[in-house]
Structures are given as C-alpha cells and as structure tokens.
Protein backbone atom coordinates (compact mmCIF):
# COMPACT_ATOMS: atom_id res chain seq x y z
CA MET A 1 19.15 124.27 109.84
CA PRO A 2 21.43 122.45 107.42
CA LYS A 3 24.96 121.21 108.59
CA HIS A 4 27.90 122.87 107.03
CA LYS A 5 30.09 120.62 105.54
CA PRO A 6 33.90 121.72 105.27
CA LYS A 7 35.27 121.13 101.89
CA ARG A 8 37.68 118.02 102.18
CA SER A 9 41.19 118.10 100.59
CA ALA A 10 44.16 115.42 100.15
CA PRO A 11 46.56 116.46 103.15
CA THR A 12 49.91 117.66 101.90
CA ILE A 13 53.48 117.18 103.53
CA ASP A 14 56.06 119.52 103.12
CA MET A 15 59.18 117.73 102.29
CA THR A 16 61.48 120.47 102.13
CA ALA A 17 62.88 119.91 105.60
CA MET A 18 63.35 116.16 104.83
CA CYS A 19 65.13 116.87 101.80
CA ASP A 20 67.40 119.38 103.49
CA VAL A 21 68.39 116.77 105.84
CA ALA A 22 68.99 114.05 103.52
CA PHE A 23 71.36 116.62 101.53
CA LEU A 24 73.23 117.46 104.70
CA LEU A 25 73.84 113.84 105.58
CA LEU A 26 74.88 112.87 101.87
CA THR A 27 77.44 116.09 102.11
CA PHE A 28 78.84 115.01 105.38
CA PHE A 29 79.43 111.47 104.53
CA MET A 30 80.98 112.49 101.01
CA LEU A 31 83.40 114.90 102.88
CA THR A 32 84.34 112.71 105.86
CA ALA A 33 84.58 109.30 104.03
CA LYS A 34 88.02 108.02 103.14
CA MET A 35 88.69 105.78 100.05
CA LYS A 36 90.34 102.59 100.83
CA ASN A 37 93.90 102.31 98.97
CA GLN A 38 93.66 99.66 96.25
CA GLU A 39 95.88 96.62 96.81
CA SER A 40 98.81 96.51 94.57
CA VAL A 41 98.36 92.80 93.99
CA VAL A 42 95.15 90.88 93.33
CA ILE A 43 94.85 88.01 95.79
CA ASP A 44 92.15 85.23 95.44
CA THR A 45 91.69 83.94 99.11
CA PRO A 46 90.86 80.31 99.74
CA SER A 47 87.23 79.37 100.74
CA SER A 48 86.41 78.12 104.27
CA ILE A 49 83.20 77.98 106.37
CA SER A 50 84.70 80.11 109.10
CA GLU A 51 82.07 82.68 110.11
CA THR A 52 84.60 84.88 112.09
CA LYS A 53 84.31 88.49 111.06
CA LEU A 54 87.26 90.90 111.22
CA PRO A 55 87.15 94.59 112.40
CA ASP A 56 86.68 97.47 109.94
CA ALA A 57 89.69 99.37 111.68
CA ASN A 58 92.93 98.62 113.45
CA THR A 59 94.20 95.80 111.11
CA LEU A 60 97.89 95.07 110.21
CA THR A 61 97.64 92.80 106.93
CA VAL A 62 100.35 90.69 105.58
CA LEU A 63 99.50 89.94 102.21
CA VAL A 64 101.32 86.98 100.40
CA SER A 65 100.71 86.93 96.77
CA LYS A 66 100.39 83.55 94.43
CA GLU A 67 104.34 84.03 93.75
CA GLY A 68 104.96 83.97 97.34
CA LYS A 69 105.93 87.87 97.87
CA PRO A 70 105.07 89.06 101.25
CA MET A 71 103.60 92.43 101.33
CA LEU A 72 102.45 94.89 104.11
CA ASP A 73 99.56 96.99 104.72
CA MET A 74 98.62 98.92 108.15
CA ALA A 75 95.37 100.65 108.84
CA GLY A 76 95.46 104.20 110.51
CA SER A 77 97.29 107.38 108.87
CA HIS A 78 98.51 108.54 112.35
CA THR A 79 99.99 105.08 113.19
CA ARG A 80 101.88 105.10 109.72
CA GLU A 81 103.09 108.54 110.30
CA ASN A 82 104.48 107.70 113.68
CA LEU A 83 105.89 104.52 112.10
CA ILE A 84 107.63 105.79 109.03
CA ALA A 85 109.29 108.78 111.30
CA SER A 86 110.69 105.92 113.52
CA MET A 87 112.04 103.90 110.67
CA ASN A 88 113.19 106.66 108.73
CA SER A 89 115.40 107.89 111.93
CA ARG A 90 116.67 104.42 112.71
CA TYR A 91 117.68 103.17 109.19
CA GLN A 92 118.56 106.91 107.69
CA LEU A 93 116.22 106.27 104.86
CA GLY A 94 116.42 109.81 103.56
CA LEU A 95 112.84 110.33 103.37
CA THR A 96 111.70 113.91 103.35
CA ALA A 97 108.62 115.25 105.12
CA GLU A 98 106.35 114.65 101.74
CA ASP A 99 107.88 111.13 101.34
CA GLN A 100 106.58 110.50 104.86
CA LYS A 101 103.00 112.14 104.05
CA ARG A 102 102.80 109.92 101.12
CA PHE A 103 103.58 106.61 103.20
CA ALA A 104 101.09 107.71 105.73
CA ASN A 105 98.18 108.05 102.92
CA SER A 106 99.55 104.84 100.74
CA GLY A 107 98.11 101.35 100.83
CA SER A 108 100.37 97.99 100.78
CA PHE A 109 103.97 97.69 99.93
CA GLY A 110 106.25 95.19 99.09
CA VAL A 111 109.62 96.34 98.54
CA PRO A 112 113.04 96.51 100.72
CA MET A 113 113.70 99.43 102.89
CA LYS A 114 116.51 100.67 100.67
CA SER A 115 114.02 100.91 97.83
CA LEU A 116 111.44 102.67 99.69
CA LYS A 117 112.02 106.01 98.75
CA LYS A 118 112.02 105.31 95.11
CA TRP A 119 108.68 103.50 95.65
CA LEU A 120 107.17 106.54 97.29
CA GLU A 121 108.11 108.98 94.45
CA LEU A 122 106.11 106.69 91.94
CA ALA A 123 102.49 106.67 91.10
CA GLY A 124 100.04 103.92 91.44
CA PRO A 125 100.51 101.93 88.34
CA GLU A 126 104.53 102.67 88.58
CA ARG A 127 104.71 101.47 91.94
CA THR A 128 103.14 98.10 90.99
CA GLU A 129 105.89 97.53 88.06
CA TYR A 130 108.47 98.70 90.42
CA GLU A 131 107.79 96.11 92.95
CA LYS A 132 107.75 93.27 90.52
CA GLN A 133 111.45 93.24 90.73
CA PHE A 134 111.66 92.39 94.33
CA GLN A 135 110.58 89.56 96.43
CA GLY A 136 108.46 91.55 98.58
CA VAL A 137 109.30 92.51 102.00
CA PRO A 138 112.57 90.56 102.89
CA ILE A 139 112.06 87.80 105.28
CA ASP A 140 115.09 86.36 106.96
CA THR A 141 113.81 83.38 109.01
CA ALA A 142 117.38 82.01 110.07
CA ASP A 143 117.95 85.22 111.97
CA ILE A 144 114.98 87.36 113.10
CA ASN A 145 116.81 90.41 113.73
CA LYS A 146 117.74 90.60 109.78
CA SER A 147 114.02 90.19 108.89
CA GLU A 148 112.76 93.30 107.42
CA LEU A 149 109.10 91.85 107.64
CA ALA A 150 109.55 91.17 111.32
CA ASP A 151 110.95 94.85 112.11
CA TRP A 152 108.10 96.36 110.22
CA ILE A 153 105.48 94.37 112.13
CA HIS A 154 107.08 94.63 115.42
CA SER A 155 107.53 98.49 115.07
CA ALA A 156 104.06 99.16 113.71
CA ARG A 157 102.41 97.42 116.71
CA LEU A 158 104.61 99.46 119.07
CA GLU A 159 103.48 102.61 117.33
CA GLN A 160 99.71 101.51 117.72
CA PHE A 161 100.37 100.40 121.27
CA LYS A 162 101.59 104.15 122.07
CA LEU A 163 98.50 105.66 120.48
CA LYS A 164 96.16 103.53 122.34
CA LYS A 165 97.95 104.60 125.63
CA GLU A 166 97.49 108.15 124.63
CA GLY A 167 93.81 107.40 123.96
CA LYS A 168 94.15 108.09 120.15
CA VAL A 169 93.07 104.79 118.70
CA ASP A 170 90.49 102.38 120.38
CA SER A 171 92.45 98.91 120.10
CA GLU A 172 95.84 97.43 119.32
CA TYR A 173 96.30 96.11 115.75
CA VAL A 174 94.57 92.84 114.91
CA ILE A 175 97.13 90.98 112.92
CA VAL A 176 95.63 89.38 109.34
CA VAL A 177 97.50 87.04 106.87
CA LYS A 178 95.95 87.31 103.49
CA ALA A 179 97.16 84.71 101.27
CA ASP A 180 96.19 83.71 97.59
CA LYS A 181 94.70 80.20 97.04
CA ASP A 182 97.65 79.29 94.97
CA THR A 183 100.45 80.65 96.96
CA PRO A 184 102.94 77.90 97.82
CA TYR A 185 102.67 76.92 101.38
CA PRO A 186 106.40 77.28 102.24
CA ALA A 187 105.93 81.13 101.62
CA VAL A 188 102.77 81.21 103.92
CA GLN A 189 104.80 79.38 106.63
CA LYS A 190 107.70 81.58 106.59
CA VAL A 191 105.10 84.34 107.39
CA ILE A 192 103.65 82.45 110.09
CA ASN A 193 106.88 81.69 111.55
CA THR A 194 108.16 85.41 111.37
CA LEU A 195 105.00 86.19 113.58
CA THR A 196 105.67 83.44 116.22
CA ASP A 197 109.35 84.71 116.35
CA ILE A 198 108.12 88.24 117.46
CA ASN A 199 105.51 86.67 119.78
CA VAL A 200 102.49 87.33 117.67
CA ASN A 201 100.81 84.07 118.52
CA LYS A 202 97.22 85.30 117.70
CA PHE A 203 96.41 86.14 114.09
CA ASN A 204 93.71 85.80 111.48
CA LEU A 205 93.55 83.98 108.07
CA ILE A 206 91.28 85.77 105.48
CA THR A 207 89.25 83.32 103.29
CA ASN A 208 86.33 83.56 101.23
CA MET A 209 82.90 82.41 103.07
CA GLU A 210 81.41 79.15 101.65
CA ALA A 211 78.44 76.92 102.73
CA ASP A 212 78.95 74.78 105.80
CA PRO A 213 78.17 71.34 104.68
CA ASN A 214 76.98 70.23 108.30
CA LYS A 215 74.41 72.98 107.96
CA LEU A 216 73.40 72.05 104.48
CA GLU A 217 72.87 68.29 105.66
CA GLY A 218 70.73 69.60 108.44
CA VAL A 219 68.19 71.34 106.26
CA LYS A 220 68.17 68.72 103.71
CA LYS A 221 66.85 66.41 106.60
C-alpha cells in the first residue's frame, strides 16, 4: 500500500502580535520621554583621557562660557519647583505661579535674581539675547554670603536632599562644572572657590574623551 505524503508548505509566522507590542512600546517611550532643554550657550569642552562617566540624572551643572560667565542648570523639575518657591519667598522676586512653572521646566540660566522674572517671561532665543547684557549668575568671592551663585547651589542641594529624605529622588545632586576650553582660568577658579566655600569639595569637570597615549603605546608594542 503506497504511503501518503502530506503536502509540505513553508511555515508562516503571524507577526500581528509582535507589531502591536512594538507600536505600544514606541508609543510609551514617545509619551513618557522628556526632551532635554537646550543650553543657552555653546560650550566646547577641553579634552582629557578620563573614563569616568557622569550619571544621567540628579546633576547640578555650573556652566562657564568662553567669556567667563557662570550659568546654572539643575536636573529634576520637582527640585526646581521647590527651589524657585523658596527663593521667591526669601528674596521677594515677585514670581507668579506661572513664572515658577516656567522655571521648573526651563534649562540653564545666567541672570541675576532681580532679572529672573523678566528672563522667564521671554521665549528661548529672546532669553539668550537678554542674558548677553549680564555677566552670568553673580559671584562674590570676597563675601560668600553675597554670592548669588553660592546661594543658588546651596539652596538647590538642600531641596534635593529634602526630596531624597522623602523618597522622591534616588540620590543627592552630583556637582558638575562644564567650562569651555577657551574659558579664562581665573573664571573657572572663581567657580571652584565658590564650591569649596560652601563645603562642596567633590565635583566633576566635564571633558571630551580622547585616546590615552599610554594605551596607544601598549598597542603599538
């Protein structure tokens, strides 16, 4: 009796479920992702062979432009909300609830406190132009109690610490200094002196990665 051979055909895979999952993931990331605010100054950092990686979150960055102007940027909208509410109350800045919301969602800033309200009322490009008339966030190395940069950093660290105790953030701020490669050294030194004056003795300097000559020599050998 002859054997019956079933007709063979190429197997098919239903991709409908996989496509659904892919689009669901894509939609999730699009809705939950937050765009990073563009820095108001372009900083070309110097090169180094350091391989230390900075965390993606919980950073407080002091930017120093090539003209030597210090600016500030803090990660975390909740910390920024608490920070600006505290500063508005202490210094009577006259910021409305809408102004404070704008600050929480803004990026770096480099204006004195008395000019912050005007800065918040402007749009992105207008803010950059407005900042040009100032020397950044004021620094007073002679009297640390009159240094706005020191006060901002100290207050921001305090608000971040409070949120950490409440379990709303994972860690305290990591202090980062990002200076242009053409920034005059005295300007960077002022920032470093400000940090040490408020007992910030551990901070990171941002640089571009370059090849380690020692490792290159080892490869050649």
